[in-house]
Amino acid sequence: VNIYVKENYRIKAKDGELVVGTFWRPEGFEQDNTPYVRIATGDYQELVAERGKKEAMWSILGTLAHELTHYFQYINQP
């Protein structure tokens, strides 16, 4: 899975909602489309100010783990 780390404050999801992370997958297992994860990190400095460096990084890594869970659900579907 490709992972794109964006400097944006939020990412626009397919439904138009502004979110901190998304997972996109092709319908079925199409060879010409690769699933990907996008993570917004533009609020890192704000998170550092609110929570400290360690918790800010854990927040971003938590988002990444959440989106990777969607990827693993996709590849392990029956």
Protein backbone atom coordinates (compact mmCIF):
# COMPACT_ATOMS: atom_id res chain seq x y z
CA VAL A 1 0.00 0.00 0.00
CA ASN A 2 1.27 3.47 -0.82
CA ILE A 3 1.22 5.95 2.05
CA TYR A 4 1.08 9.66 1.30
CA VAL A 5 2.00 11.97 4.16
CA LYS A 6 0.49 15.36 3.33
CA GLU A 7 1.34 18.71 4.86
CA ASN A 8 -2.31 19.73 4.67
CA TYR A 9 -4.27 20.50 7.84
CA ARG A 10 -7.06 18.19 6.62
CA ILE A 11 -7.72 15.98 3.59
CA LYS A 12 -10.99 15.96 1.70
CA ALA A 13 -12.56 12.49 1.69
CA LYS A 14 -14.65 11.17 -1.22
CA ASP A 15 -17.82 12.30 0.52
CA GLY A 16 -16.43 15.84 0.91
CA GLU A 17 -15.74 15.58 4.64
CA LEU A 18 -12.45 17.06 5.87
CA VAL A 19 -10.53 14.35 7.74
CA VAL A 20 -7.02 13.57 9.04
CA GLY A 21 -6.70 10.24 7.24
CA THR A 22 -8.22 8.22 4.42
CA PHE A 23 -7.85 4.82 2.84
CA TRP A 24 -8.76 4.31 -0.80
CA ARG A 25 -9.16 0.93 -2.43
CA PRO A 26 -10.12 -0.12 -5.93
CA GLU A 27 -13.29 -2.10 -6.36
CA GLY A 28 -12.28 -5.75 -6.42
CA PHE A 29 -8.64 -6.49 -7.12
CA GLU A 30 -8.01 -4.45 -10.25
CA GLN A 31 -4.37 -4.75 -11.28
CA ASP A 32 -4.03 -1.19 -12.60
CA ASN A 33 -5.16 0.50 -9.37
CA THR A 34 -3.14 0.46 -6.16
CA PRO A 35 -4.76 1.12 -2.79
CA TYR A 36 -3.37 4.03 -0.82
CA VAL A 37 -3.48 5.81 2.52
CA ARG A 38 -3.33 9.58 2.94
CA ILE A 39 -2.46 11.19 6.26
CA ALA A 40 -2.73 14.92 7.04
CA THR A 41 0.06 16.27 9.26
CA GLY A 42 -0.56 20.01 8.95
CA ASP A 43 -1.81 20.24 12.52
CA TYR A 44 1.40 18.78 13.99
CA GLN A 45 2.62 22.06 15.52
CA GLU A 46 -0.83 22.69 16.97
CA LEU A 47 -0.84 19.19 18.47
CA VAL A 48 2.64 19.76 19.91
CA ALA A 49 1.45 22.98 21.57
CA GLU A 50 -1.62 21.23 23.00
CA ARG A 51 -0.20 17.80 23.90
CA GLY A 52 3.57 17.84 23.57
CA LYS A 53 5.81 16.25 20.92
CA LYS A 54 5.38 12.67 22.04
CA GLU A 55 1.57 12.75 22.12
CA ALA A 56 1.43 14.69 18.83
CA MET A 57 3.41 11.96 17.11
CA TRP A 58 1.28 9.24 18.73
CA SER A 59 -1.81 10.99 17.38
CA ILE A 60 -0.48 10.91 13.81
CA LEU A 61 0.72 7.32 14.18
CA GLY A 62 -2.70 6.37 15.56
CA THR A 63 -4.33 7.77 12.44
CA LEU A 64 -1.89 5.81 10.28
CA ALA A 65 -2.61 2.60 12.22
CA HIS A 66 -6.35 3.17 11.80
CA GLU A 67 -6.05 3.58 8.03
CA LEU A 68 -3.72 0.58 7.73
CA THR A 69 -6.38 -1.46 9.54
CA HIS A 70 -8.74 -0.65 6.66
CA TYR A 71 -6.05 -1.81 4.23
CA PHE A 72 -5.60 -5.13 6.03
CA GLN A 73 -9.37 -5.63 6.12
CA TYR A 74 -9.38 -5.05 2.35
CA ILE A 75 -6.62 -7.54 1.53
CA ASN A 76 -7.92 -10.19 3.95
CA GLN A 77 -11.55 -10.06 2.88
CA PRO A 78 -13.06 -13.46 2.03
